[in-house]
Amino acid sequence: MHVVGAFLGRRAGSAASAEGAKDIAADPWGNFIMTGDYQAGATFGSITLSVNGQNDLFVSRIRKDGSWAWTRRLGGSQGDTGYGI
C-alpha cells in the first residue's frame, strides 16, 4: 500500500454523514496538508467542525507524527468542496 494510503487509513476523520478527502500534499518537512468536504459535522483528531450549508470544505494539516495540527472549515449556505492543494 502507498504510504499516503496507509496514513489516511490510520488517520481518517469521522463525520455524522459523509466526508471525503479530495487532495493531499506533503510539505518539505514531512507534514501533510489535506482538503475535501464533509456533511453534518466532522471530527478530525480532537477538532470538531460544524457544517454551515449542504456541505462545507475543510483544510487540515497533519504533522509528520500523524497528529492533527489544525483543521479549518470554509463554506457558505450552499455546497462547498476543496478539490486541490
C-alpha atoms as a PDB file:
ATOM      1  CA  MET A   1       0.000   0.000   0.000  1.00  0.00           C
ATOM      2  CA  HIS A   2       1.188   3.508  -0.746  1.00  0.00           C
ATOM      3  CA  VAL A   3       2.428   5.419   2.313  1.00  0.00           C
ATOM      4  CA  VAL A   4      -0.274   8.104   1.926  1.00  0.00           C
ATOM      5  CA  GLY A   5      -2.994   5.443   1.711  1.00  0.00           C
ATOM      6  CA  ALA A   6      -1.703   3.762   4.852  1.00  0.00           C
ATOM      7  CA  PHE A   7      -1.572   7.131   6.583  1.00  0.00           C
ATOM      8  CA  LEU A   8      -5.136   8.045   5.656  1.00  0.00           C
ATOM      9  CA  GLY A   9      -6.367   4.623   6.703  1.00  0.00           C
ATOM     10  CA  ARG A  10      -4.998   5.236  10.193  1.00  0.00           C
ATOM     11  CA  ARG A  11      -5.913   8.914  10.498  1.00  0.00           C
ATOM     12  CA  ALA A  12      -9.276   9.325   8.801  1.00  0.00           C
ATOM     13  CA  GLY A  13     -11.651  11.812  10.354  1.00  0.00           C
ATOM     14  CA  SER A  14     -15.201  10.916  11.246  1.00  0.00           C
ATOM     15  CA  ALA A  15     -18.424  12.587  10.163  1.00  0.00           C
ATOM     16  CA  ALA A  16     -22.069  12.137  11.096  1.00  0.00           C
ATOM     17  CA  SER A  17     -22.933  11.809   7.397  1.00  0.00           C
ATOM     18  CA  ALA A  18     -20.304  11.790   4.642  1.00  0.00           C
ATOM     19  CA  GLU A  19     -16.797  13.118   4.228  1.00  0.00           C
ATOM     20  CA  GLY A  20     -14.094  12.764   1.679  1.00  0.00           C
ATOM     21  CA  ALA A  21     -10.539  13.858   1.087  1.00  0.00           C
ATOM     22  CA  LYS A  22     -10.093  15.209  -2.430  1.00  0.00           C
ATOM     23  CA  ASP A  23      -6.375  16.086  -2.384  1.00  0.00           C
ATOM     24  CA  ILE A  24      -3.366  15.697  -0.128  1.00  0.00           C
ATOM     25  CA  ALA A  25       0.149  17.083  -0.410  1.00  0.00           C
ATOM     26  CA  ALA A  26       3.323  16.700   1.632  1.00  0.00           C
ATOM     27  CA  ASP A  27       5.378  19.713   2.659  1.00  0.00           C
ATOM     28  CA  PRO A  28       9.196  19.715   2.738  1.00  0.00           C
ATOM     29  CA  TRP A  29       9.176  18.847   6.479  1.00  0.00           C
ATOM     30  CA  GLY A  30       7.120  15.649   6.135  1.00  0.00           C
ATOM     31  CA  ASN A  31       3.746  17.085   7.176  1.00  0.00           C
ATOM     32  CA  PHE A  32       0.566  16.682   5.131  1.00  0.00           C
ATOM     33  CA  ILE A  33      -1.992  19.270   4.021  1.00  0.00           C
ATOM     34  CA  MET A  34      -5.352  17.795   3.026  1.00  0.00           C
ATOM     35  CA  THR A  35      -8.611  19.194   1.627  1.00  0.00           C
ATOM     36  CA  GLY A  36     -12.051  17.811   0.882  1.00  0.00           C
ATOM     37  CA  ASP A  37     -15.601  18.126   2.140  1.00  0.00           C
ATOM     38  CA  TYR A  38     -17.984  16.839   4.800  1.00  0.00           C
ATOM     39  CA  GLN A  39     -21.690  16.938   5.703  1.00  0.00           C
ATOM     40  CA  ALA A  40     -23.466  17.212   9.069  1.00  0.00           C
ATOM     41  CA  GLY A  41     -20.322  17.895  11.108  1.00  0.00           C
ATOM     42  CA  ALA A  42     -16.988  16.109  11.292  1.00  0.00           C
ATOM     43  CA  THR A  43     -14.217  15.350  13.782  1.00  0.00           C
ATOM     44  CA  PHE A  44     -10.534  15.418  12.853  1.00  0.00           C
ATOM     45  CA  GLY A  45      -8.480  14.159  15.788  1.00  0.00           C
ATOM     46  CA  SER A  46      -9.771  16.303  18.677  1.00  0.00           C
ATOM     47  CA  ILE A  47     -11.071  19.060  16.349  1.00  0.00           C
ATOM     48  CA  THR A  48     -14.830  19.042  15.722  1.00  0.00           C
ATOM     49  CA  LEU A  49     -16.368  21.146  12.947  1.00  0.00           C
ATOM     50  CA  SER A  50     -19.993  22.074  12.354  1.00  0.00           C
ATOM     51  CA  VAL A  51     -21.481  22.494   8.892  1.00  0.00           C
ATOM     52  CA  ASN A  52     -22.819  25.795   7.530  1.00  0.00           C
ATOM     53  CA  GLY A  53     -24.650  24.550   4.429  1.00  0.00           C
ATOM     54  CA  GLN A  54     -25.272  21.408   2.419  1.00  0.00           C
ATOM     55  CA  ASN A  55     -21.619  20.509   2.864  1.00  0.00           C
ATOM     56  CA  ASP A  56     -18.510  22.500   3.739  1.00  0.00           C
ATOM     57  CA  LEU A  57     -14.914  22.180   2.720  1.00  0.00           C
ATOM     58  CA  PHE A  58     -12.068  21.550   5.098  1.00  0.00           C
ATOM     59  CA  VAL A  59      -8.332  22.114   5.007  1.00  0.00           C
ATOM     60  CA  SER A  60      -6.234  20.172   7.529  1.00  0.00           C
ATOM     61  CA  ARG A  61      -2.576  19.981   8.458  1.00  0.00           C
ATOM     62  CA  ILE A  62      -1.373  16.660   9.818  1.00  0.00           C
ATOM     63  CA  ARG A  63       2.044  16.545  11.473  1.00  0.00           C
ATOM     64  CA  LYS A  64       4.601  14.009  10.328  1.00  0.00           C
ATOM     65  CA  ASP A  65       3.990  12.025  13.541  1.00  0.00           C
ATOM     66  CA  GLY A  66       0.349  11.575  12.447  1.00  0.00           C
ATOM     67  CA  SER A  67      -1.284  14.014  14.872  1.00  0.00           C
ATOM     68  CA  TRP A  68      -3.715  16.678  13.649  1.00  0.00           C
ATOM     69  CA  ALA A  69      -2.137  20.151  13.834  1.00  0.00           C
ATOM     70  CA  TRP A  70      -5.228  22.092  12.750  1.00  0.00           C
ATOM     71  CA  THR A  71      -8.358  21.897  10.612  1.00  0.00           C
ATOM     72  CA  ARG A  72     -10.321  24.824   9.182  1.00  0.00           C
ATOM     73  CA  ARG A  73     -13.860  24.903   7.824  1.00  0.00           C
ATOM     74  CA  LEU A  74     -14.808  27.099   4.883  1.00  0.00           C
ATOM     75  CA  GLY A  75     -18.171  27.403   3.242  1.00  0.00           C
ATOM     76  CA  GLY A  76     -21.412  29.239   2.845  1.00  0.00           C
ATOM     77  CA  SER A  77     -25.046  28.206   2.682  1.00  0.00           C
ATOM     78  CA  GLN A  78     -24.569  26.116  -0.484  1.00  0.00           C
ATOM     79  CA  GLY A  79     -22.379  23.066  -1.106  1.00  0.00           C
ATOM     80  CA  ASP A  80     -18.624  23.725  -0.933  1.00  0.00           C
ATOM     81  CA  THR A  81     -15.748  21.338  -1.687  1.00  0.00           C
ATOM     82  CA  GLY A  82     -11.964  21.701  -1.650  1.00  0.00           C
ATOM     83  CA  TYR A  83     -10.570  19.962  -4.732  1.00  0.00           C
ATOM     84  CA  GLY A  84      -6.871  20.780  -4.659  1.00  0.00           C
ATOM     85  CA  ILE A  85      -3.952  21.861  -2.511  1.00  0.00           C
END
